[in-house]
Amino acid sequence: KFALFWVFQAVWVLAVSSPLIVLNYTALDRNLQAQDAIGWVMWTLGILLEAIADQQKLWFKQSGGQHPPWCAVGVWAWSRHPNYFGE
């Protein structure tokens, strides 16, 4: 049952990423478009949000944060799972 979960996840990733794999495999020479810049900006902001959220959660755990028992500082005050939102 555990292996089935991982196989399903691998098949899902392949199915979702296959259009990009095909698009990147083709030998078309295209110039960068506005959509490319928007995509890079979105990716950069997402990875920064994820990294900041993870770092803030680590600092909270290292400080022995007990009151409240959940992290509610920084980006964690905005959302319940900002690290997942960054992904």
PDB file of N, CA and C in Angstrom:
ATOM      1  N   LYS A   1       0.823  -1.194   0.000  1.00  0.00           N
ATOM      2  CA  LYS A   1       0.000   0.000   0.000  1.00  0.00           C
ATOM      3  C   LYS A   1       0.871   1.263   0.000  1.00  0.00           C
ATOM      4  N   PHE A   2       1.973   1.207   0.727  1.00  0.00           N
ATOM      5  CA  PHE A   2       2.888   2.344   0.771  1.00  0.00           C
ATOM      6  C   PHE A   2       3.516   2.591  -0.599  1.00  0.00           C
ATOM      7  N   ALA A   3       3.914   1.520  -1.274  1.00  0.00           N
ATOM      8  CA  ALA A   3       4.523   1.658  -2.600  1.00  0.00           C
ATOM      9  C   ALA A   3       3.512   2.200  -3.605  1.00  0.00           C
ATOM     10  N   LEU A   4       2.256   1.807  -3.453  1.00  0.00           N
ATOM     11  CA  LEU A   4       1.216   2.295  -4.368  1.00  0.00           C
ATOM     12  C   LEU A   4       1.090   3.808  -4.294  1.00  0.00           C
ATOM     13  N   PHE A   5       1.198   4.353  -3.091  1.00  0.00           N
ATOM     14  CA  PHE A   5       1.140   5.808  -2.915  1.00  0.00           C
ATOM     15  C   PHE A   5       2.257   6.479  -3.696  1.00  0.00           C
ATOM     16  N   TRP A   6       3.477   5.962  -3.602  1.00  0.00           N
ATOM     17  CA  TRP A   6       4.614   6.582  -4.286  1.00  0.00           C
ATOM     18  C   TRP A   6       4.544   6.395  -5.791  1.00  0.00           C
ATOM     19  N   VAL A   7       4.047   5.252  -6.230  1.00  0.00           N
ATOM     20  CA  VAL A   7       3.894   5.038  -7.669  1.00  0.00           C
ATOM     21  C   VAL A   7       2.839   5.992  -8.220  1.00  0.00           C
ATOM     22  N   PHE A   8       1.711   6.141  -7.515  1.00  0.00           N
ATOM     23  CA  PHE A   8       0.672   7.077  -7.950  1.00  0.00           C
ATOM     24  C   PHE A   8       1.227   8.492  -8.026  1.00  0.00           C
ATOM     25  N   GLN A   9       2.020   8.882  -7.034  1.00  0.00           N
ATOM     26  CA  GLN A   9       2.603  10.219  -7.022  1.00  0.00           C
ATOM     27  C   GLN A   9       3.547  10.409  -8.210  1.00  0.00           C
ATOM     28  N   ALA A  10       4.349   9.413  -8.522  1.00  0.00           N
ATOM     29  CA  ALA A  10       5.266   9.515  -9.661  1.00  0.00           C
ATOM     30  C   ALA A  10       4.509   9.622 -10.978  1.00  0.00           C
ATOM     31  N   VAL A  11       3.451   8.844 -11.124  1.00  0.00           N
ATOM     32  CA  VAL A  11       2.638   8.905 -12.343  1.00  0.00           C
ATOM     33  C   VAL A  11       1.965  10.269 -12.456  1.00  0.00           C
ATOM     34  N   TRP A  12       1.484  10.791 -11.330  1.00  0.00           N
ATOM     35  CA  TRP A  12       0.838  12.110 -11.330  1.00  0.00           C
ATOM     36  C   TRP A  12       1.827  13.202 -11.757  1.00  0.00           C
ATOM     37  N   VAL A  13       3.038  13.163 -11.221  1.00  0.00           N
ATOM     38  CA  VAL A  13       4.046  14.167 -11.582  1.00  0.00           C
ATOM     39  C   VAL A  13       4.380  14.063 -13.068  1.00  0.00           C
ATOM     40  N   LEU A  14       4.505  12.863 -13.567  1.00  0.00           N
ATOM     41  CA  LEU A  14       4.782  12.688 -14.993  1.00  0.00           C
ATOM     42  C   LEU A  14       3.633  13.227 -15.841  1.00  0.00           C
ATOM     43  N   ALA A  15       2.393  12.939 -15.440  1.00  0.00           N
ATOM     44  CA  ALA A  15       1.234  13.403 -16.204  1.00  0.00           C
ATOM     45  C   ALA A  15       1.136  14.921 -16.196  1.00  0.00           C
ATOM     46  N   VAL A  16       1.399  15.530 -15.055  1.00  0.00           N
ATOM     47  CA  VAL A  16       1.288  16.984 -14.957  1.00  0.00           C
ATOM     48  C   VAL A  16       2.434  17.682 -15.687  1.00  0.00           C
ATOM     49  N   SER A  17       3.631  17.116 -15.630  1.00  0.00           N
ATOM     50  CA  SER A  17       4.787  17.776 -16.235  1.00  0.00           C
ATOM     51  C   SER A  17       5.023  17.384 -17.694  1.00  0.00           C
ATOM     52  N   SER A  18       4.295  16.410 -18.212  1.00  0.00           N
ATOM     53  CA  SER A  18       4.553  15.957 -19.585  1.00  0.00           C
ATOM     54  C   SER A  18       4.371  17.060 -20.633  1.00  0.00           C
ATOM     55  N   PRO A  19       3.396  17.971 -20.516  1.00  0.00           N
ATOM     56  CA  PRO A  19       3.343  19.044 -21.522  1.00  0.00           C
ATOM     57  C   PRO A  19       4.611  19.907 -21.525  1.00  0.00           C
ATOM     58  N   LEU A  20       5.159  20.182 -20.360  1.00  0.00           N
ATOM     59  CA  LEU A  20       6.396  20.963 -20.308  1.00  0.00           C
ATOM     60  C   LEU A  20       7.580  20.172 -20.848  1.00  0.00           C
ATOM     61  N   ILE A  21       7.594  18.885 -20.577  1.00  0.00           N
ATOM     62  CA  ILE A  21       8.677  18.054 -21.099  1.00  0.00           C
ATOM     63  C   ILE A  21       8.653  18.058 -22.621  1.00  0.00           C
ATOM     64  N   VAL A  22       7.475  17.891 -23.193  1.00  0.00           N
ATOM     65  CA  VAL A  22       7.342  17.897 -24.657  1.00  0.00           C
ATOM     66  C   VAL A  22       7.699  19.271 -25.212  1.00  0.00           C
ATOM     67  N   LEU A  23       7.209  20.331 -24.567  1.00  0.00           N
ATOM     68  CA  LEU A  23       7.483  21.689 -25.030  1.00  0.00           C
ATOM     69  C   LEU A  23       8.981  21.991 -24.986  1.00  0.00           C
ATOM     70  N   ASN A  24       9.643  21.578 -23.933  1.00  0.00           N
ATOM     71  CA  ASN A  24      11.077  21.850 -23.812  1.00  0.00           C
ATOM     72  C   ASN A  24      11.918  20.935 -24.700  1.00  0.00           C
ATOM     73  N   TYR A  25      11.373  19.814 -25.110  1.00  0.00           N
ATOM     74  CA  TYR A  25      12.119  18.887 -25.950  1.00  0.00           C
ATOM     75  C   TYR A  25      12.139  19.328 -27.409  1.00  0.00           C
ATOM     76  N   THR A  26      11.123  20.060 -27.828  1.00  0.00           N
ATOM     77  CA  THR A  26      11.063  20.482 -29.220  1.00  0.00           C
ATOM     78  C   THR A  26      12.201  21.462 -29.522  1.00  0.00           C
ATOM     79  N   ALA A  27      12.618  21.490 -30.756  1.00  0.00           N
ATOM     80  CA  ALA A  27      13.775  22.296 -31.152  1.00  0.00           C
ATOM     81  C   ALA A  27      13.367  23.678 -31.660  1.00  0.00           C
ATOM     82  N   LEU A  28      12.237  24.192 -31.207  1.00  0.00           N
ATOM     83  CA  LEU A  28      11.827  25.516 -31.636  1.00  0.00           C
ATOM     84  C   LEU A  28      12.668  26.572 -30.940  1.00  0.00           C
ATOM     85  N   ASP A  29      13.093  27.558 -31.709  1.00  0.00           N
ATOM     86  CA  ASP A  29      13.884  28.649 -31.143  1.00  0.00           C
ATOM     87  C   ASP A  29      12.954  29.833 -30.915  1.00  0.00           C
ATOM     88  N   ARG A  30      12.541  30.008 -29.665  1.00  0.00           N
ATOM     89  CA  ARG A  30      11.603  31.083 -29.354  1.00  0.00           C
ATOM     90  C   ARG A  30      12.276  32.127 -28.490  1.00  0.00           C
ATOM     91  N   ASN A  31      11.898  33.378 -28.703  1.00  0.00           N
ATOM     92  CA  ASN A  31      12.382  34.460 -27.849  1.00  0.00           C
ATOM     93  C   ASN A  31      11.586  34.468 -26.556  1.00  0.00           C
ATOM     94  N   LEU A  32      12.165  35.060 -25.543  1.00  0.00           N
ATOM     95  CA  LEU A  32      11.457  35.167 -24.272  1.00  0.00           C
ATOM     96  C   LEU A  32      10.286  36.119 -24.412  1.00  0.00           C
ATOM     97  N   GLN A  33       9.182  35.748 -23.816  1.00  0.00           N
ATOM     98  CA  GLN A  33       7.963  36.544 -23.863  1.00  0.00           C
ATOM     99  C   GLN A  33       7.671  37.104 -22.471  1.00  0.00           C
ATOM    100  N   ALA A  34       6.658  37.938 -22.389  1.00  0.00           N
ATOM    101  CA  ALA A  34       6.239  38.501 -21.098  1.00  0.00           C
ATOM    102  C   ALA A  34       5.798  37.395 -20.140  1.00  0.00           C
ATOM    103  N   GLN A  35       5.169  36.354 -20.670  1.00  0.00           N
ATOM    104  CA  GLN A  35       4.738  35.234 -19.832  1.00  0.00           C
ATOM    105  C   GLN A  35       5.928  34.551 -19.163  1.00  0.00           C
ATOM    106  N   ASP A  36       7.057  34.500 -19.845  1.00  0.00           N
ATOM    107  CA  ASP A  36       8.253  33.897 -19.275  1.00  0.00           C
ATOM    108  C   ASP A  36       8.738  34.697 -18.075  1.00  0.00           C
ATOM    109  N   ALA A  37       8.763  36.012 -18.225  1.00  0.00           N
ATOM    110  CA  ALA A  37       9.199  36.878 -17.125  1.00  0.00           C
ATOM    111  C   ALA A  37       8.234  36.774 -15.948  1.00  0.00           C
ATOM    112  N   ILE A  38       6.933  36.740 -16.229  1.00  0.00           N
ATOM    113  CA  ILE A  38       5.939  36.598 -15.167  1.00  0.00           C
ATOM    114  C   ILE A  38       6.124  35.271 -14.446  1.00  0.00           C
ATOM    115  N   GLY A  39       6.372  34.227 -15.191  1.00  0.00           N
ATOM    116  CA  GLY A  39       6.600  32.907 -14.589  1.00  0.00           C
ATOM    117  C   GLY A  39       7.817  32.889 -13.688  1.00  0.00           C
ATOM    118  N   TRP A  40       8.910  33.478 -14.123  1.00  0.00           N
ATOM    119  CA  TRP A  40      10.123  33.530 -13.301  1.00  0.00           C
ATOM    120  C   TRP A  40       9.907  34.349 -12.037  1.00  0.00           C
ATOM    121  N   VAL A  41       9.182  35.451 -12.159  1.00  0.00           N
ATOM    122  CA  VAL A  41       8.892  36.276 -10.972  1.00  0.00           C
ATOM    123  C   VAL A  41       8.022  35.495  -9.989  1.00  0.00           C
ATOM    124  N   MET A  42       7.002  34.818 -10.502  1.00  0.00           N
ATOM    125  CA  MET A  42       6.130  34.026  -9.623  1.00  0.00           C
ATOM    126  C   MET A  42       6.917  32.917  -8.936  1.00  0.00           C
ATOM    127  N   TRP A  43       7.783  32.244  -9.681  1.00  0.00           N
ATOM    128  CA  TRP A  43       8.591  31.178  -9.100  1.00  0.00           C
ATOM    129  C   TRP A  43       9.518  31.725  -8.021  1.00  0.00           C
ATOM    130  N   THR A  44      10.160  32.856  -8.306  1.00  0.00           N
ATOM    131  CA  THR A  44      11.082  33.456  -7.338  1.00  0.00           C
ATOM    132  C   THR A  44      10.357  33.864  -6.063  1.00  0.00           C
ATOM    133  N   LEU A  45       9.201  34.510  -6.212  1.00  0.00           N
ATOM    134  CA  LEU A  45       8.431  34.905  -5.034  1.00  0.00           C
ATOM    135  C   LEU A  45       7.969  33.689  -4.242  1.00  0.00           C
ATOM    136  N   GLY A  46       7.559  32.647  -4.936  1.00  0.00           N
ATOM    137  CA  GLY A  46       7.109  31.431  -4.260  1.00  0.00           C
ATOM    138  C   GLY A  46       8.213  30.756  -3.486  1.00  0.00           C
ATOM    139  N   ILE A  47       9.379  30.624  -4.089  1.00  0.00           N
ATOM    140  CA  ILE A  47      10.488  29.954  -3.398  1.00  0.00           C
ATOM    141  C   ILE A  47      10.991  30.803  -2.237  1.00  0.00           C
ATOM    142  N   LEU A  48      10.957  32.131  -2.384  1.00  0.00           N
ATOM    143  CA  LEU A  48      11.333  33.005  -1.271  1.00  0.00           C
ATOM    144  C   LEU A  48      10.340  32.888  -0.123  1.00  0.00           C
ATOM    145  N   LEU A  49       9.046  32.875  -0.440  1.00  0.00           N
ATOM    146  CA  LEU A  49       8.024  32.723   0.600  1.00  0.00           C
ATOM    147  C   LEU A  49       8.188  31.398   1.328  1.00  0.00           C
ATOM    148  N   GLU A  50       8.435  30.345   0.590  1.00  0.00           N
ATOM    149  CA  GLU A  50       8.634  29.029   1.205  1.00  0.00           C
ATOM    150  C   GLU A  50       9.866  29.027   2.111  1.00  0.00           C
ATOM    151  N   ALA A  51      10.956  29.600   1.649  1.00  0.00           N
ATOM    152  CA  ALA A  51      12.190  29.630   2.440  1.00  0.00           C
ATOM    153  C   ALA A  51      12.025  30.482   3.697  1.00  0.00           C
ATOM    154  N   ILE A  52      11.377  31.630   3.561  1.00  0.00           N
ATOM    155  CA  ILE A  52      11.159  32.505   4.714  1.00  0.00           C
ATOM    156  C   ILE A  52      10.255  31.812   5.736  1.00  0.00           C
ATOM    157  N   ALA A  53       9.186  31.181   5.265  1.00  0.00           N
ATOM    158  CA  ALA A  53       8.269  30.485   6.170  1.00  0.00           C
ATOM    159  C   ALA A  53       8.980  29.344   6.898  1.00  0.00           C
ATOM    160  N   ASP A  54       9.776  28.589   6.175  1.00  0.00           N
ATOM    161  CA  ASP A  54      10.516  27.490   6.809  1.00  0.00           C
ATOM    162  C   ASP A  54      11.504  28.008   7.844  1.00  0.00           C
ATOM    163  N   GLN A  55      12.188  29.102   7.547  1.00  0.00           N
ATOM    164  CA  GLN A  55      13.155  29.664   8.487  1.00  0.00           C
ATOM    165  C   GLN A  55      12.448  30.198   9.729  1.00  0.00           C
ATOM    166  N   GLN A  56      11.336  30.899   9.539  1.00  0.00           N
ATOM    167  CA  GLN A  56      10.598  31.419  10.688  1.00  0.00           C
ATOM    168  C   GLN A  56      10.060  30.297  11.564  1.00  0.00           C
ATOM    169  N   LYS A  57       9.609  29.213  10.952  1.00  0.00           N
ATOM    170  CA  LYS A  57       9.118  28.066  11.730  1.00  0.00           C
ATOM    171  C   LYS A  57      10.266  27.426  12.504  1.00  0.00           C
ATOM    172  N   LEU A  58      11.446  27.340  11.905  1.00  0.00           N
ATOM    173  CA  LEU A  58      12.611  26.790  12.593  1.00  0.00           C
ATOM    174  C   LEU A  58      12.982  27.656  13.790  1.00  0.00           C
ATOM    175  N   TRP A  59      13.010  28.969  13.609  1.00  0.00           N
ATOM    176  CA  TRP A  59      13.324  29.874  14.728  1.00  0.00           C
ATOM    177  C   TRP A  59      12.291  29.741  15.845  1.00  0.00           C
ATOM    178  N   PHE A  60      11.012  29.594  15.459  1.00  0.00           N
ATOM    179  CA  PHE A  60       9.953  29.429  16.454  1.00  0.00           C
ATOM    180  C   PHE A  60      10.161  28.151  17.261  1.00  0.00           C
ATOM    181  N   LYS A  61      10.476  27.065  16.577  1.00  0.00           N
ATOM    182  CA  LYS A  61      10.702  25.793  17.277  1.00  0.00           C
ATOM    183  C   LYS A  61      11.946  25.861  18.156  1.00  0.00           C
ATOM    184  N   GLN A  62      13.003  26.513  17.674  1.00  0.00           N
ATOM    185  CA  GLN A  62      14.237  26.603  18.456  1.00  0.00           C
ATOM    186  C   GLN A  62      14.079  27.502  19.674  1.00  0.00           C
ATOM    187  N   SER A  63      13.165  28.468  19.603  1.00  0.00           N
ATOM    188  CA  SER A  63      12.965  29.358  20.743  1.00  0.00           C
ATOM    189  C   SER A  63      12.075  28.722  21.810  1.00  0.00           C
ATOM    190  N   GLY A  64      11.612  27.507  21.531  1.00  0.00           N
ATOM    191  CA  GLY A  64      10.741  26.836  22.489  1.00  0.00           C
ATOM    192  C   GLY A  64       9.379  27.482  22.563  1.00  0.00           C
ATOM    193  N   GLY A  65       8.906  28.003  21.447  1.00  0.00           N
ATOM    194  CA  GLY A  65       7.627  28.715  21.410  1.00  0.00           C
ATOM    195  C   GLY A  65       6.486  27.884  21.955  1.00  0.00           C
ATOM    196  N   GLN A  66       5.904  28.350  23.046  1.00  0.00           N
ATOM    197  CA  GLN A  66       4.816  27.610  23.679  1.00  0.00           C
ATOM    198  C   GLN A  66       3.518  28.400  23.737  1.00  0.00           C
ATOM    199  N   HIS A  67       3.592  29.714  23.673  1.00  0.00           N
ATOM    200  CA  HIS A  67       2.382  30.518  23.839  1.00  0.00           C
ATOM    201  C   HIS A  67       2.190  31.418  22.643  1.00  0.00           C
ATOM    202  N   PRO A  68       1.327  31.176  21.732  1.00  0.00           N
ATOM    203  CA  PRO A  68       0.479  29.990  21.599  1.00  0.00           C
ATOM    204  C   PRO A  68       1.298  28.790  21.118  1.00  0.00           C
ATOM    205  N   PRO A  69       0.731  27.601  21.178  1.00  0.00           N
ATOM    206  CA  PRO A  69       1.509  26.418  20.786  1.00  0.00           C
ATOM    207  C   PRO A  69       1.734  26.293  19.285  1.00  0.00           C
ATOM    208  N   TRP A  70       1.207  27.192  18.502  1.00  0.00           N
ATOM    209  CA  TRP A  70       1.435  27.190  17.058  1.00  0.00           C
ATOM    210  C   TRP A  70       2.136  28.487  16.670  1.00  0.00           C
ATOM    211  N   CYS A  71       2.834  28.426  15.574  1.00  0.00           N
ATOM    212  CA  CYS A  71       3.589  29.582  15.091  1.00  0.00           C
ATOM    213  C   CYS A  71       2.623  30.596  14.480  1.00  0.00           C
ATOM    214  N   ALA A  72       2.618  31.815  15.018  1.00  0.00           N
ATOM    215  CA  ALA A  72       1.729  32.863  14.517  1.00  0.00           C
ATOM    216  C   ALA A  72       2.493  34.172  14.342  1.00  0.00           C
ATOM    217  N   VAL A  73       3.744  34.082  13.932  1.00  0.00           N
ATOM    218  CA  VAL A  73       4.567  35.265  13.721  1.00  0.00           C
ATOM    219  C   VAL A  73       5.015  35.312  12.267  1.00  0.00           C
ATOM    220  N   GLY A  74       5.360  36.489  11.797  1.00  0.00           N
ATOM    221  CA  GLY A  74       5.858  36.640  10.430  1.00  0.00           C
ATOM    222  C   GLY A  74       4.805  36.246   9.412  1.00  0.00           C
ATOM    223  N   VAL A  75       5.218  35.494   8.400  1.00  0.00           N
ATOM    224  CA  VAL A  75       4.273  35.073   7.363  1.00  0.00           C
ATOM    225  C   VAL A  75       3.272  34.059   7.902  1.00  0.00           C
ATOM    226  N   TRP A  76       3.580  33.444   9.036  1.00  0.00           N
ATOM    227  CA  TRP A  76       2.655  32.489   9.655  1.00  0.00           C
ATOM    228  C   TRP A  76       1.449  33.199  10.239  1.00  0.00           C
ATOM    229  N   ALA A  77       1.505  34.505  10.444  1.00  0.00           N
ATOM    230  CA  ALA A  77       0.347  35.260  10.914  1.00  0.00           C
ATOM    231  C   ALA A  77      -0.652  35.481   9.774  1.00  0.00           C
ATOM    232  N   TRP A  78      -0.200  35.365   8.530  1.00  0.00           N
ATOM    233  CA  TRP A  78      -1.062  35.581   7.370  1.00  0.00           C
ATOM    234  C   TRP A  78      -1.830  34.337   6.961  1.00  0.00           C
ATOM    235  N   SER A  79      -1.161  33.177   7.096  1.00  0.00           N
ATOM    236  CA  SER A  79      -1.716  31.944   6.549  1.00  0.00           C
ATOM    237  C   SER A  79      -1.363  30.780   7.462  1.00  0.00           C
ATOM    238  N   ARG A  80      -2.152  29.732   7.377  1.00  0.00           N
ATOM    239  CA  ARG A  80      -1.896  28.555   8.203  1.00  0.00           C
ATOM    240  C   ARG A  80      -0.706  27.748   7.684  1.00  0.00           C
ATOM    241  N   HIS A  81      -0.503  27.737   6.365  1.00  0.00           N
ATOM    242  CA  HIS A  81       0.596  26.992   5.757  1.00  0.00           C
ATOM    243  C   HIS A  81       1.267  27.828   4.662  1.00  0.00           C
ATOM    244  N   PRO A  82       1.982  28.897   5.034  1.00  0.00           N
ATOM    245  CA  PRO A  82       2.599  29.733   3.985  1.00  0.00           C
ATOM    246  C   PRO A  82       3.699  29.011   3.229  1.00  0.00           C
ATOM    247  N   ASN A  83       4.344  28.027   3.855  1.00  0.00           N
ATOM    248  CA  ASN A  83       5.386  27.296   3.137  1.00  0.00           C
ATOM    249  C   ASN A  83       4.788  26.485   1.999  1.00  0.00           C
ATOM    250  N   TYR A  84       3.609  25.912   2.192  1.00  0.00           N
ATOM    251  CA  TYR A  84       2.949  25.185   1.108  1.00  0.00           C
ATOM    252  C   TYR A  84       2.413  26.140   0.050  1.00  0.00           C
ATOM    253  N   PHE A  85       1.954  27.330   0.470  1.00  0.00           N
ATOM    254  CA  PHE A  85       1.476  28.322  -0.483  1.00  0.00           C
ATOM    255  C   PHE A  85       2.605  28.751  -1.402  1.00  0.00           C
ATOM    256  N   GLY A  86       3.832  28.842  -0.862  1.00  0.00           N
ATOM    257  CA  GLY A  86       4.986  29.206  -1.688  1.00  0.00           C
ATOM    258  C   GLY A  86       5.292  28.172  -2.758  1.00  0.00           C
ATOM    259  N   GLU A  87       4.992  26.924  -2.460  1.00  0.00           N
ATOM    260  CA  GLU A  87       5.225  25.876  -3.458  1.00  0.00           C
ATOM    261  C   GLU A  87       4.256  26.032  -4.602  1.00  0.00           C
TER     262      GLU A  87
END
